Protein backbone atom coordinates (compact mmCIF):
# COMPACT_ATOMS: atom_id res chain seq x y z
CA MET A 1 34.30 -115.76 -35.80
CA ASN A 2 38.05 -115.99 -35.22
CA LYS A 3 39.95 -117.79 -32.41
CA GLY A 4 40.59 -114.65 -30.49
CA THR A 5 36.96 -113.70 -30.33
CA VAL A 6 36.03 -117.19 -28.96
CA TRP A 7 38.61 -117.00 -26.32
CA THR A 8 37.44 -113.49 -25.33
CA ILE A 9 33.81 -114.80 -24.95
CA VAL A 10 35.11 -117.74 -22.90
CA GLY A 11 37.18 -115.44 -20.77
CA VAL A 12 34.24 -113.11 -20.16
CA ILE A 13 32.07 -115.99 -19.16
CA ALA A 14 34.69 -117.52 -16.83
CA ALA A 15 35.13 -114.08 -15.22
CA ILE A 16 31.49 -113.79 -14.59
CA VAL A 17 31.24 -117.27 -13.18
CA ILE A 18 34.25 -116.66 -10.87
CA ALA A 19 32.99 -113.18 -9.76
CA TRP A 20 29.51 -114.73 -9.00
CA PHE A 21 31.19 -117.32 -6.79
CA LEU A 22 33.39 -114.83 -5.01
CA VAL A 23 30.53 -112.41 -4.35
CA ASN A 24 28.37 -115.23 -2.94
CA VAL A 25 31.27 -116.22 -0.54
CA LEU A 26 31.82 -112.68 0.42
CA PHE A 27 28.08 -112.01 1.12
CA SER A 28 28.09 -115.28 3.17
CA VAL A 29 31.05 -114.13 5.24
CA VAL A 30 29.66 -110.63 5.77
CA ALA A 31 26.26 -112.02 6.75
CA PHE A 32 27.86 -114.40 9.25
CA PHE A 33 29.74 -111.61 10.93
CA ILE A 34 26.72 -109.36 11.11
CA LYS A 35 24.72 -112.12 12.67
CA LEU A 36 27.50 -112.79 15.09
CA LEU A 37 27.50 -109.12 15.99
CA VAL A 38 23.76 -109.05 16.48
CA VAL A 39 23.92 -112.15 18.69
CA ALA A 40 26.67 -110.66 20.76
CA ILE A 41 24.68 -107.44 21.35
CA VAL A 42 21.52 -109.37 22.24
CA ALA A 43 23.48 -111.62 24.61
CA VAL A 44 24.90 -108.65 26.43
CA ILE A 45 21.43 -107.06 26.72
CA VAL A 46 19.96 -110.36 28.03
CA PHE A 47 22.93 -110.78 30.49
CA LEU A 48 22.42 -107.27 31.86
CA VAL A 49 18.70 -107.81 32.27
CA LEU A 50 19.08 -111.07 34.00
CA ARG A 51 21.76 -109.64 36.26
CA ALA A 52 19.40 -106.77 37.19
CA VAL A 53 16.56 -109.11 37.88
CA PHE A 54 18.60 -111.47 40.06
CA ALA A 55 20.24 -108.59 41.90
CA ARG A 56 16.72 -107.06 42.66
CA SER A 57 15.42 -110.54 43.86
CA ASP A 58 18.50 -110.94 46.09
CA ASP A 59 17.86 -107.57 47.66
CA SER A 60 14.27 -108.28 48.47
CA GLU A 61 15.10 -111.62 50.21
CA SER A 62 17.61 -110.18 52.74
């Protein structure tokens, strides 16, 4: 095996390791933003439900 073949193999392994790391980081960031979006949607729904419940209870008291 000559020197060029060894460096090619090392380069391929390094590229795979770096790509693996970058894909993990990318998926973590994407998962975080998806989770943030879901939390925001649920928070808006809960807010609207609570506002409706409290508005209804204020109407019945007066």
